[in-house]
Every structure is written in structure tokens, then in C-alpha cells.
Amino acid sequence: MIATLSKDEIRFVLANKRYSMGKPIMNDAEYDTMRKKLKELGSPVVLHEAPSCTIDGICKLDLKVDTAKQRLLYFPGVVGGTVIFSELFYWTLGTDPIFGLILSAVPSYFLGVWFTENIFGQKPLVTVAACPDCNVLNNVYFGDLFNVATDGIIPGGPPGDTVELLCGNCKAPLIADRSKMIISTTVPKGQKA
């Protein structure tokens, strides 16, 4: 199956090609804006599959949203909403349980989203990326569960847009940035922390 590219994706690929030929078609600000927009949309033309390293040995790689785990965060709220609204429709309207499930689909979805984003997890985002050093997949969670970090139950204060973690395989110190959707090493390649 052939994937179709949007107008912006074609323009981005063309801008890269023209830049490598020495004939840029857009300035750096336009390029950065377009890259950020396409990255937020999850476009495959801007996501790198291999790490890129700077001259000083710091390597970085794009984070990708783990949609399966992201959906699992919303599952308890949606199931709870389905039970609540099905029971509500049964006891107030006397509807059949199957019909109650159909009636409760839309309100339970909205209750599930509200519950997940306001009570269960605050600004939840589950991402995945390979370690720039050893290429082993690492999951990164951005956000707070039940406000435990915000309320000071665990040390560290409220969660921000960056998360520090260790690779699960090589124990390399990594830093993940939610706003840029990039995971990078903190120690130059080949050196120990």
C-alpha cells in the first residue's frame, strides 16, 4: 500500500533535498516551524529511525507516542463511565442492558477522558524511543498519576516537560523532552557517567 503525503510533507522533503543541493527554498525559521508542526502530527517524514550525534558525542533520537499504552491510560475511566451510565439508564429509564451500553457509549467516553486527564493522570503522555547508545527501546511517561508528584508524596516536585532516566540495557543516562519530542544522551558516547 502506498502512503500518500500531505502538501506540507512534500514541501518538507523538497526543502531537505534543495538544501542538500545548495539551493534552499525556505529560511531556517520556516523550516523549523514546519518540522515542529509535522512532528506534532506524527508525520513519518520528520521522524528519524537512527540517532544523530553531534561532534561532542551527544546523541539524540525522536520520541514517538506509544498509542497502545496511551489508550490503556484511558481504559479504566471509560469502563467506569460505561458501568455508571449503563446502570443509570437501567434504573431511571428501565432500558435493556444492551441498549443501555449503546446509549452510554458517548457519555462514558467523555467521562473517561475527563477522569483520565483530571483525576487519574495529569497531562498524560506515553512515548517510546530507542536508546541512542545501545538501540534498546525505552518507554518514557510524561505527566503525573493521582497528583503524587505535585502534592509532594514522592520527591522531585511537579513533573515538567523533561524526564531524566537510565537506559534499561546499557544504563546510559538519558533525558527526554516532551516539548521537542526528543530523547538524548547526557554523557558523550564512549564515556561513563
N, C-alpha and C. Protein backbone atom coordinates (compact mmCIF):
# COMPACT_ATOMS: atom_id res chain seq x y z
N MET A 1 0.84 -1.17 0.00
CA MET A 1 0.00 0.00 0.00
C MET A 1 0.89 1.24 0.00
N ILE A 2 0.61 2.17 -0.86
CA ILE A 2 1.39 3.38 -0.99
C ILE A 2 0.79 4.45 -0.08
N ALA A 3 1.65 5.04 0.77
CA ALA A 3 1.21 6.11 1.65
C ALA A 3 1.19 7.42 0.87
N THR A 4 0.13 8.19 1.05
CA THR A 4 0.08 9.49 0.40
C THR A 4 0.59 10.54 1.37
N LEU A 5 1.33 11.48 0.83
CA LEU A 5 1.90 12.54 1.64
C LEU A 5 1.08 13.81 1.49
N SER A 6 1.01 14.56 2.57
CA SER A 6 0.30 15.84 2.51
C SER A 6 1.15 16.88 1.78
N LYS A 7 0.54 18.01 1.53
CA LYS A 7 1.25 19.10 0.84
C LYS A 7 2.46 19.56 1.67
N ASP A 8 2.29 19.66 2.99
CA ASP A 8 3.38 20.09 3.85
C ASP A 8 4.50 19.05 3.90
N GLU A 9 4.15 17.77 3.90
CA GLU A 9 5.17 16.72 3.91
C GLU A 9 6.00 16.75 2.63
N ILE A 10 5.34 16.95 1.49
CA ILE A 10 6.06 17.03 0.20
C ILE A 10 6.96 18.26 0.20
N ARG A 11 6.45 19.37 0.72
CA ARG A 11 7.24 20.60 0.77
C ARG A 11 8.45 20.42 1.70
N PHE A 12 8.27 19.69 2.81
CA PHE A 12 9.37 19.45 3.75
C PHE A 12 10.46 18.59 3.11
N VAL A 13 10.05 17.52 2.43
CA VAL A 13 11.02 16.64 1.76
C VAL A 13 11.75 17.41 0.66
N LEU A 14 11.01 18.21 -0.09
CA LEU A 14 11.62 19.02 -1.14
C LEU A 14 12.60 20.04 -0.56
N ALA A 15 12.25 20.63 0.58
CA ALA A 15 13.15 21.60 1.23
C ALA A 15 14.45 20.93 1.65
N ASN A 16 14.37 19.71 2.17
CA ASN A 16 15.59 18.97 2.54
C ASN A 16 16.45 18.69 1.32
N LYS A 17 15.82 18.27 0.25
CA LYS A 17 16.55 17.95 -0.98
C LYS A 17 17.22 19.19 -1.56
N ARG A 18 16.47 20.28 -1.64
CA ARG A 18 17.02 21.52 -2.19
C ARG A 18 18.14 22.07 -1.31
N TYR A 19 18.01 21.93 0.01
CA TYR A 19 19.06 22.41 0.91
C TYR A 19 20.35 21.63 0.69
N SER A 20 20.22 20.30 0.51
CA SER A 20 21.41 19.47 0.28
C SER A 20 22.05 19.78 -1.08
N MET A 21 21.27 20.31 -2.02
CA MET A 21 21.80 20.70 -3.33
C MET A 21 22.40 22.11 -3.30
N GLY A 22 22.24 22.83 -2.17
CA GLY A 22 22.76 24.18 -2.07
C GLY A 22 21.80 25.23 -2.58
N LYS A 23 20.53 24.87 -2.77
CA LYS A 23 19.52 25.80 -3.28
C LYS A 23 18.30 25.80 -2.35
N PRO A 24 18.44 26.35 -1.13
CA PRO A 24 17.32 26.30 -0.18
C PRO A 24 16.10 27.05 -0.69
N ILE A 25 14.91 26.52 -0.38
CA ILE A 25 13.66 27.14 -0.81
C ILE A 25 12.91 27.81 0.34
N MET A 26 13.44 27.68 1.58
CA MET A 26 12.83 28.35 2.72
C MET A 26 13.90 28.69 3.74
N ASN A 27 13.61 29.68 4.57
CA ASN A 27 14.60 30.06 5.58
C ASN A 27 14.52 29.11 6.79
N ASP A 28 15.46 29.27 7.72
CA ASP A 28 15.55 28.36 8.86
C ASP A 28 14.31 28.41 9.75
N ALA A 29 13.75 29.58 9.96
CA ALA A 29 12.57 29.72 10.82
C ALA A 29 11.36 28.99 10.23
N GLU A 30 11.16 29.14 8.91
CA GLU A 30 10.05 28.43 8.25
C GLU A 30 10.25 26.92 8.34
N TYR A 31 11.49 26.49 8.12
CA TYR A 31 11.81 25.06 8.18
C TYR A 31 11.55 24.50 9.58
N ASP A 32 12.02 25.20 10.61
CA ASP A 32 11.82 24.74 11.98
C ASP A 32 10.34 24.70 12.34
N THR A 33 9.58 25.70 11.91
CA THR A 33 8.14 25.72 12.18
C THR A 33 7.44 24.55 11.50
N MET A 34 7.79 24.29 10.25
CA MET A 34 7.17 23.18 9.53
C MET A 34 7.56 21.84 10.15
N ARG A 35 8.82 21.68 10.54
CA ARG A 35 9.28 20.43 11.17
C ARG A 35 8.53 20.18 12.47
N LYS A 36 8.38 21.24 13.28
CA LYS A 36 7.67 21.08 14.55
C LYS A 36 6.21 20.71 14.32
N LYS A 37 5.58 21.36 13.34
CA LYS A 37 4.17 21.06 13.04
C LYS A 37 4.00 19.61 12.57
N LEU A 38 4.87 19.17 11.66
CA LEU A 38 4.78 17.80 11.16
C LEU A 38 5.11 16.78 12.25
N LYS A 39 6.03 17.13 13.14
CA LYS A 39 6.39 16.22 14.23
C LYS A 39 5.23 16.05 15.19
N GLU A 40 4.52 17.14 15.48
CA GLU A 40 3.34 17.07 16.36
C GLU A 40 2.25 16.20 15.74
N LEU A 41 2.17 16.20 14.42
CA LEU A 41 1.18 15.38 13.72
C LEU A 41 1.62 13.92 13.59
N GLY A 42 2.88 13.63 13.96
CA GLY A 42 3.40 12.26 13.88
C GLY A 42 3.76 11.85 12.46
N SER A 43 4.10 12.80 11.63
CA SER A 43 4.44 12.50 10.24
C SER A 43 5.73 11.69 10.16
N PRO A 44 5.73 10.63 9.36
CA PRO A 44 6.93 9.79 9.26
C PRO A 44 8.08 10.47 8.52
N VAL A 45 7.84 11.55 7.80
CA VAL A 45 8.93 12.19 7.05
C VAL A 45 9.87 12.98 7.95
N VAL A 46 9.47 13.29 9.19
CA VAL A 46 10.34 14.06 10.09
C VAL A 46 10.93 13.21 11.21
N LEU A 47 10.42 12.00 11.40
CA LEU A 47 10.92 11.15 12.48
C LEU A 47 12.14 10.38 12.02
N HIS A 48 13.19 10.44 12.82
CA HIS A 48 14.42 9.75 12.49
C HIS A 48 14.43 8.36 13.12
N GLU A 49 14.85 7.37 12.35
CA GLU A 49 14.94 5.99 12.83
C GLU A 49 16.29 5.69 13.45
N ALA A 50 17.29 6.50 13.18
CA ALA A 50 18.63 6.28 13.72
C ALA A 50 19.05 7.54 14.48
N PRO A 51 19.87 7.37 15.53
CA PRO A 51 20.28 8.54 16.29
C PRO A 51 21.22 9.45 15.50
N SER A 52 21.13 10.72 15.78
CA SER A 52 22.08 11.67 15.20
C SER A 52 22.95 12.19 16.34
N CYS A 53 24.24 12.25 16.09
CA CYS A 53 25.19 12.65 17.13
C CYS A 53 25.90 13.94 16.74
N THR A 54 26.12 14.77 17.73
CA THR A 54 26.88 16.00 17.50
C THR A 54 28.36 15.68 17.58
N ILE A 55 29.18 16.65 17.27
CA ILE A 55 30.62 16.45 17.26
C ILE A 55 31.18 16.16 18.65
N ASP A 56 30.48 16.63 19.69
CA ASP A 56 30.95 16.38 21.05
C ASP A 56 30.49 15.04 21.61
N GLY A 57 29.74 14.24 20.82
CA GLY A 57 29.37 12.89 21.22
C GLY A 57 28.01 12.73 21.86
N ILE A 58 27.23 13.80 21.95
CA ILE A 58 25.87 13.71 22.49
C ILE A 58 24.95 13.27 21.35
N CYS A 59 24.24 12.16 21.57
CA CYS A 59 23.36 11.60 20.55
C CYS A 59 21.91 11.84 20.93
N LYS A 60 21.05 12.02 19.92
CA LYS A 60 19.63 12.22 20.17
C LYS A 60 18.81 11.46 19.15
N LEU A 61 17.55 11.20 19.53
CA LEU A 61 16.64 10.43 18.70
C LEU A 61 15.23 10.94 18.96
N ASP A 62 14.35 10.82 17.97
CA ASP A 62 12.97 11.28 18.12
C ASP A 62 12.16 10.33 18.99
N LEU A 63 11.31 10.91 19.86
CA LEU A 63 10.35 10.15 20.64
C LEU A 63 9.09 9.95 19.79
N LYS A 64 8.45 8.82 19.95
CA LYS A 64 7.18 8.56 19.27
C LYS A 64 6.13 8.23 20.33
N VAL A 65 4.91 8.70 20.11
CA VAL A 65 3.82 8.41 21.04
C VAL A 65 3.49 6.93 20.94
N ASP A 66 3.44 6.25 22.09
CA ASP A 66 3.06 4.84 22.15
C ASP A 66 1.54 4.80 22.28
N THR A 67 0.85 4.71 21.14
CA THR A 67 -0.61 4.83 21.13
C THR A 67 -1.29 3.71 21.90
N ALA A 68 -0.74 2.51 21.88
CA ALA A 68 -1.37 1.41 22.61
C ALA A 68 -1.37 1.68 24.11
N LYS A 69 -0.24 2.07 24.66
CA LYS A 69 -0.17 2.36 26.09
C LYS A 69 -0.91 3.64 26.44
N GLN A 70 -0.94 4.58 25.53
CA GLN A 70 -1.68 5.81 25.75
C GLN A 70 -3.18 5.49 25.88
N ARG A 71 -3.67 4.60 25.03
CA ARG A 71 -5.09 4.21 25.12
C ARG A 71 -5.38 3.45 26.40
N LEU A 72 -4.42 2.67 26.87
CA LEU A 72 -4.63 1.93 28.13
C LEU A 72 -4.83 2.87 29.31
N LEU A 73 -4.24 4.06 29.27
CA LEU A 73 -4.45 5.02 30.35
C LEU A 73 -5.91 5.45 30.45
N TYR A 74 -6.59 5.52 29.32
CA TYR A 74 -7.99 5.95 29.29
C TYR A 74 -8.96 4.82 29.56
N PHE A 75 -8.50 3.59 29.52
CA PHE A 75 -9.38 2.42 29.66
C PHE A 75 -10.15 2.38 30.98
N PRO A 76 -9.51 2.56 32.16
CA PRO A 76 -10.29 2.49 33.41
C PRO A 76 -11.41 3.52 33.48
N GLY A 77 -11.16 4.74 33.03
CA GLY A 77 -12.18 5.77 33.07
C GLY A 77 -13.35 5.47 32.16
N VAL A 78 -13.05 4.96 30.96
CA VAL A 78 -14.13 4.65 30.02
C VAL A 78 -14.95 3.46 30.52
N VAL A 79 -14.30 2.44 31.06
CA VAL A 79 -15.05 1.29 31.59
C VAL A 79 -15.89 1.71 32.78
N GLY A 80 -15.32 2.52 33.68
CA GLY A 80 -16.10 3.01 34.82
C GLY A 80 -17.28 3.84 34.38
N GLY A 81 -17.07 4.70 33.38
CA GLY A 81 -18.16 5.51 32.84
C GLY A 81 -19.24 4.65 32.20
N THR A 82 -18.83 3.59 31.52
CA THR A 82 -19.80 2.69 30.90
C THR A 82 -20.68 2.02 31.95
N VAL A 83 -20.06 1.56 33.02
CA VAL A 83 -20.83 0.92 34.11
C VAL A 83 -21.78 1.92 34.75
N ILE A 84 -21.28 3.11 35.05
CA ILE A 84 -22.11 4.14 35.70
C ILE A 84 -23.31 4.51 34.84
N PHE A 85 -23.06 4.81 33.56
CA PHE A 85 -24.16 5.25 32.69
C PHE A 85 -25.10 4.10 32.34
N SER A 86 -24.60 2.89 32.18
CA SER A 86 -25.48 1.75 31.92
C SER A 86 -26.42 1.52 33.09
N GLU A 87 -25.87 1.58 34.30
CA GLU A 87 -26.72 1.42 35.48
C GLU A 87 -27.71 2.57 35.61
N LEU A 88 -27.25 3.78 35.34
CA LEU A 88 -28.13 4.95 35.41
C LEU A 88 -29.29 4.81 34.43
N PHE A 89 -29.01 4.42 33.19
CA PHE A 89 -30.07 4.25 32.20
C PHE A 89 -31.00 3.10 32.56
N TYR A 90 -30.46 2.05 33.15
CA TYR A 90 -31.30 0.90 33.53
C TYR A 90 -32.26 1.29 34.65
N TRP A 91 -31.76 1.97 35.69
CA TRP A 91 -32.58 2.27 36.86
C TRP A 91 -33.48 3.48 36.65
N THR A 92 -33.14 4.40 35.76
CA THR A 92 -34.02 5.56 35.55
C THR A 92 -34.97 5.38 34.37
N LEU A 93 -34.48 4.77 33.29
CA LEU A 93 -35.31 4.62 32.10
C LEU A 93 -35.84 3.20 31.92
N GLY A 94 -35.29 2.25 32.65
CA GLY A 94 -35.70 0.86 32.52
C GLY A 94 -35.28 0.24 31.20
N THR A 95 -34.14 0.68 30.65
CA THR A 95 -33.71 0.17 29.35
C THR A 95 -33.09 -1.21 29.47
N ASP A 96 -33.08 -1.91 28.36
CA ASP A 96 -32.41 -3.19 28.25
C ASP A 96 -30.91 -2.96 28.47
N PRO A 97 -30.18 -3.88 29.12
CA PRO A 97 -28.74 -3.67 29.35
C PRO A 97 -27.93 -3.45 28.07
N ILE A 98 -28.25 -4.17 27.00
CA ILE A 98 -27.52 -3.99 25.75
C ILE A 98 -27.80 -2.60 25.18
N PHE A 99 -29.06 -2.19 25.20
CA PHE A 99 -29.40 -0.85 24.73
C PHE A 99 -28.77 0.21 25.63
N GLY A 100 -28.66 -0.08 26.92
CA GLY A 100 -28.01 0.83 27.85
C GLY A 100 -26.54 1.02 27.51
N LEU A 101 -25.87 -0.06 27.05
CA LEU A 101 -24.48 0.04 26.63
C LEU A 101 -24.35 0.96 25.42
N ILE A 102 -25.28 0.83 24.49
CA ILE A 102 -25.25 1.67 23.29
C ILE A 102 -25.49 3.14 23.67
N LEU A 103 -26.47 3.37 24.54
CA LEU A 103 -26.76 4.74 24.97
C LEU A 103 -25.61 5.36 25.76
N SER A 104 -24.88 4.53 26.49
CA SER A 104 -23.83 5.06 27.36
C SER A 104 -22.48 5.23 26.65
N ALA A 105 -22.37 4.86 25.38
CA ALA A 105 -21.08 4.91 24.69
C ALA A 105 -20.49 6.32 24.67
N VAL A 106 -21.25 7.29 24.21
CA VAL A 106 -20.72 8.65 24.07
C VAL A 106 -20.47 9.32 25.43
N PRO A 107 -21.45 9.30 26.35
CA PRO A 107 -21.16 9.94 27.64
C PRO A 107 -20.03 9.26 28.42
N SER A 108 -19.91 7.94 28.29
CA SER A 108 -18.84 7.26 29.03
C SER A 108 -17.47 7.58 28.43
N TYR A 109 -17.40 7.84 27.13
CA TYR A 109 -16.15 8.26 26.51
C TYR A 109 -15.70 9.60 27.11
N PHE A 110 -16.62 10.56 27.15
CA PHE A 110 -16.26 11.88 27.67
C PHE A 110 -15.95 11.83 29.17
N LEU A 111 -16.68 11.01 29.92
CA LEU A 111 -16.37 10.85 31.34
C LEU A 111 -15.00 10.20 31.50
N GLY A 112 -14.68 9.21 30.66
CA GLY A 112 -13.38 8.55 30.72
C GLY A 112 -12.23 9.50 30.42
N VAL A 113 -12.40 10.37 29.42
CA VAL A 113 -11.37 11.35 29.09
C VAL A 113 -11.21 12.34 30.23
N TRP A 114 -12.32 12.83 30.78
CA TRP A 114 -12.25 13.77 31.89
C TRP A 114 -11.59 13.13 33.10
N PHE A 115 -11.98 11.91 33.45
CA PHE A 115 -11.40 11.21 34.60
C PHE A 115 -9.91 11.00 34.42
N THR A 116 -9.50 10.56 33.24
CA THR A 116 -8.09 10.26 33.00
C THR A 116 -7.24 11.52 33.05
N GLU A 117 -7.70 12.60 32.46
CA GLU A 117 -6.88 13.81 32.37
C GLU A 117 -6.95 14.71 33.59
N ASN A 118 -7.95 14.52 34.46
CA ASN A 118 -8.08 15.39 35.62
C ASN A 118 -7.87 14.69 36.96
N ILE A 119 -8.18 13.41 37.05
CA ILE A 119 -8.06 12.70 38.32
C ILE A 119 -6.95 11.65 38.26
N PHE A 120 -7.02 10.74 37.30
CA PHE A 120 -6.07 9.64 37.21
C PHE A 120 -4.68 10.11 36.81
N GLY A 121 -4.57 10.76 35.69
CA GLY A 121 -3.27 11.24 35.20
C GLY A 121 -3.37 12.69 34.77
N GLN A 122 -2.42 13.49 35.17
CA GLN A 122 -2.44 14.89 34.78
C GLN A 122 -1.46 15.08 33.63
N LYS A 123 -1.97 15.54 32.50
CA LYS A 123 -1.21 15.70 31.25
C LYS A 123 -0.48 14.41 30.87
N PRO A 124 -1.20 13.30 30.74
CA PRO A 124 -0.52 12.02 30.46
C PRO A 124 -0.04 11.91 29.02
N LEU A 125 1.17 11.37 28.86
CA LEU A 125 1.71 11.07 27.54
C LEU A 125 2.71 9.94 27.69
N VAL A 126 2.48 8.85 26.95
CA VAL A 126 3.41 7.73 26.96
C VAL A 126 4.12 7.71 25.62
N THR A 127 5.45 7.73 25.67
CA THR A 127 6.25 7.73 24.46
C THR A 127 7.22 6.56 24.49
N VAL A 128 7.79 6.27 23.35
CA VAL A 128 8.78 5.20 23.23
C VAL A 128 9.87 5.67 22.28
N ALA A 129 11.10 5.29 22.61
CA ALA A 129 12.24 5.60 21.73
C ALA A 129 13.36 4.63 22.06
N ALA A 130 14.18 4.40 21.07
CA ALA A 130 15.36 3.56 21.29
C ALA A 130 16.43 4.40 21.99
N CYS A 131 17.23 3.73 22.80
CA CYS A 131 18.36 4.41 23.44
C CYS A 131 19.34 4.81 22.34
N PRO A 132 19.78 6.07 22.32
CA PRO A 132 20.74 6.48 21.29
C PRO A 132 22.08 5.76 21.37
N ASP A 133 22.39 5.17 22.52
CA ASP A 133 23.66 4.44 22.67
C ASP A 133 23.58 2.99 22.23
N CYS A 134 22.56 2.26 22.75
CA CYS A 134 22.53 0.81 22.51
C CYS A 134 21.34 0.34 21.69
N ASN A 135 20.42 1.25 21.32
CA ASN A 135 19.29 0.94 20.45
C ASN A 135 18.24 0.04 21.08
N VAL A 136 18.16 -0.02 22.40
CA VAL A 136 17.13 -0.78 23.10
C VAL A 136 15.96 0.16 23.38
N LEU A 137 14.71 -0.32 23.16
CA LEU A 137 13.54 0.52 23.34
C LEU A 137 13.33 0.87 24.81
N ASN A 138 13.00 2.13 25.07
CA ASN A 138 12.71 2.63 26.40
C ASN A 138 11.37 3.37 26.35
N ASN A 139 10.50 3.10 27.32
CA ASN A 139 9.25 3.84 27.44
C ASN A 139 9.49 5.03 28.36
N VAL A 140 8.91 6.17 28.00
CA VAL A 140 9.02 7.37 28.80
C VAL A 140 7.61 7.88 29.07
N TYR A 141 7.29 8.08 30.37
CA TYR A 141 5.97 8.60 30.76
C TYR A 141 6.12 10.04 31.19
N PHE A 142 5.34 10.93 30.57
CA PHE A 142 5.28 12.32 30.97
C PHE A 142 3.95 12.55 31.67
N GLY A 143 3.96 13.26 32.75
CA GLY A 143 2.73 13.56 33.47
C GLY A 143 2.83 13.09 34.90
N ASP A 144 1.69 13.08 35.57
CA ASP A 144 1.62 12.73 36.98
C ASP A 144 0.41 11.83 37.19
N LEU A 145 0.55 10.82 38.01
CA LEU A 145 -0.56 9.93 38.33
C LEU A 145 -1.10 10.26 39.72
N PHE A 146 -2.39 10.53 39.80
CA PHE A 146 -3.07 10.86 41.06
C PHE A 146 -2.39 12.00 41.82
N ASN A 147 -1.70 12.91 41.12
CA ASN A 147 -1.04 14.07 41.71
C ASN A 147 -0.01 13.74 42.78
N VAL A 148 0.58 12.54 42.75
CA VAL A 148 1.53 12.17 43.80
C VAL A 148 2.80 13.01 43.75
N ALA A 149 3.28 13.38 42.58
CA ALA A 149 4.47 14.22 42.50
C ALA A 149 4.13 15.67 42.79
N THR A 150 3.00 16.15 42.32
CA THR A 150 2.59 17.53 42.53
C THR A 150 2.32 17.79 44.01
N ASP A 151 1.72 16.84 44.71
CA ASP A 151 1.41 17.00 46.13
C ASP A 151 2.60 16.75 47.04
N GLY A 152 3.73 16.33 46.49
CA GLY A 152 4.93 16.11 47.29
C GLY A 152 5.00 14.76 47.97
N ILE A 153 4.14 13.82 47.59
CA ILE A 153 4.17 12.48 48.19
C ILE A 153 5.47 11.77 47.80
N ILE A 154 5.91 11.97 46.58
CA ILE A 154 7.24 11.49 46.18
C ILE A 154 8.10 12.71 45.90
N PRO A 155 9.39 12.63 46.18
CA PRO A 155 10.24 13.81 46.00
C PRO A 155 10.43 14.17 44.52
N GLY A 156 10.79 15.41 44.30
CA GLY A 156 11.07 15.85 42.94
C GLY A 156 10.19 16.96 42.46
N GLY A 157 9.09 17.22 43.12
CA GLY A 157 8.20 18.30 42.72
C GLY A 157 7.33 17.93 41.54
N PRO A 158 6.54 18.88 41.07
CA PRO A 158 5.64 18.60 39.96
C PRO A 158 6.42 18.25 38.69
N PRO A 159 5.87 17.33 37.90
CA PRO A 159 6.57 16.94 36.67
C PRO A 159 6.59 18.07 35.65
N GLY A 160 7.69 18.12 34.92
CA GLY A 160 7.84 19.14 33.88
C GLY A 160 7.85 18.50 32.51
N ASP A 161 8.40 19.24 31.56
CA ASP A 161 8.47 18.76 30.18
C ASP A 161 9.68 17.88 29.92
N THR A 162 10.58 17.74 30.90
CA THR A 162 11.74 16.88 30.72
C THR A 162 11.74 15.79 31.78
N VAL A 163 12.21 14.61 31.37
CA VAL A 163 12.30 13.46 32.27
C VAL A 163 13.70 12.89 32.14
N GLU A 164 14.35 12.69 33.27
CA GLU A 164 15.66 12.04 33.28
C GLU A 164 15.45 10.56 33.58
N LEU A 165 16.15 9.69 32.86
CA LEU A 165 16.01 8.26 33.04
C LEU A 165 17.31 7.56 32.69
N LEU A 166 17.39 6.29 33.05
CA LEU A 166 18.51 5.45 32.68
C LEU A 166 18.03 4.43 31.66
N CYS A 167 18.85 4.14 30.68
CA CYS A 167 18.52 3.12 29.70
C CYS A 167 18.35 1.79 30.42
N GLY A 168 17.38 1.01 30.01
CA GLY A 168 17.12 -0.28 30.64
C GLY A 168 18.20 -1.31 30.36
N ASN A 169 19.02 -1.11 29.36
CA ASN A 169 20.03 -2.09 28.97
C ASN A 169 21.45 -1.63 29.35
N CYS A 170 21.88 -0.51 28.80
CA CYS A 170 23.27 -0.07 29.00
C CYS A 170 23.44 0.89 30.17
N LYS A 171 22.35 1.27 30.82
CA LYS A 171 22.35 2.19 31.97
C LYS A 171 22.91 3.57 31.65
N ALA A 172 22.83 3.96 30.38
CA ALA A 172 23.27 5.30 29.98
C ALA A 172 22.27 6.33 30.48
N PRO A 173 22.74 7.44 31.06
CA PRO A 173 21.80 8.48 31.48
C PRO A 173 21.21 9.20 30.27
N LEU A 174 19.89 9.31 30.26
CA LEU A 174 19.18 9.92 29.14
C LEU A 174 18.28 11.03 29.66
N ILE A 175 17.95 11.95 28.78
CA ILE A 175 16.98 12.99 29.10
C ILE A 175 15.98 13.07 27.96
N ALA A 176 14.69 13.03 28.31
CA ALA A 176 13.62 13.09 27.31
C ALA A 176 12.90 14.43 27.46
N ASP A 177 12.63 15.06 26.33
CA ASP A 177 11.99 16.36 26.31
C ASP A 177 10.63 16.25 25.61
N ARG A 178 9.56 16.55 26.35
CA ARG A 178 8.20 16.43 25.81
C ARG A 178 7.93 17.49 24.75
N SER A 179 8.39 18.72 24.96
CA SER A 179 8.08 19.79 24.02
C SER A 179 8.78 19.59 22.68
N LYS A 180 10.00 19.05 22.69
CA LYS A 180 10.73 18.80 21.45
C LYS A 180 10.54 17.38 20.94
N MET A 181 9.99 16.48 21.78
CA MET A 181 9.81 15.06 21.46
C MET A 181 11.13 14.42 21.03
N ILE A 182 12.16 14.64 21.86
CA ILE A 182 13.50 14.12 21.60
C ILE A 182 14.03 13.47 22.87
N ILE A 183 14.72 12.35 22.71
CA ILE A 183 15.46 11.73 23.80
C ILE A 183 16.93 11.82 23.44
N SER A 184 17.76 12.21 24.41
CA SER A 184 19.17 12.37 24.11
C SER A 184 20.02 11.88 25.27
N THR A 185 21.27 11.56 24.95
CA THR A 185 22.22 11.16 25.98
C THR A 185 22.68 12.42 26.70
N THR A 186 23.16 12.24 27.92
CA THR A 186 23.69 13.38 28.66
C THR A 186 25.21 13.31 28.77
N VAL A 187 25.76 12.15 28.47
CA VAL A 187 27.20 11.94 28.53
C VAL A 187 27.68 11.60 27.12
N PRO A 188 28.78 12.17 26.67
CA PRO A 188 29.28 11.85 25.33
C PRO A 188 29.50 10.35 25.14
N LYS A 189 29.26 9.89 23.92
CA LYS A 189 29.36 8.47 23.58
C LYS A 189 30.76 7.95 23.91
N GLY A 190 30.78 6.81 24.58
CA GLY A 190 32.03 6.17 24.95
C GLY A 190 32.53 6.54 26.33
N GLN A 191 31.97 7.58 26.94
CA GLN A 191 32.39 7.97 28.29
C GLN A 191 31.39 7.43 29.31
N LYS A 192 31.82 7.17 30.51
CA LYS A 192 30.97 6.70 31.59
C LYS A 192 30.45 7.89 32.38
N ALA A 193 29.26 7.74 32.95
CA ALA A 193 28.65 8.82 33.73
C ALA A 193 29.34 9.01 35.06
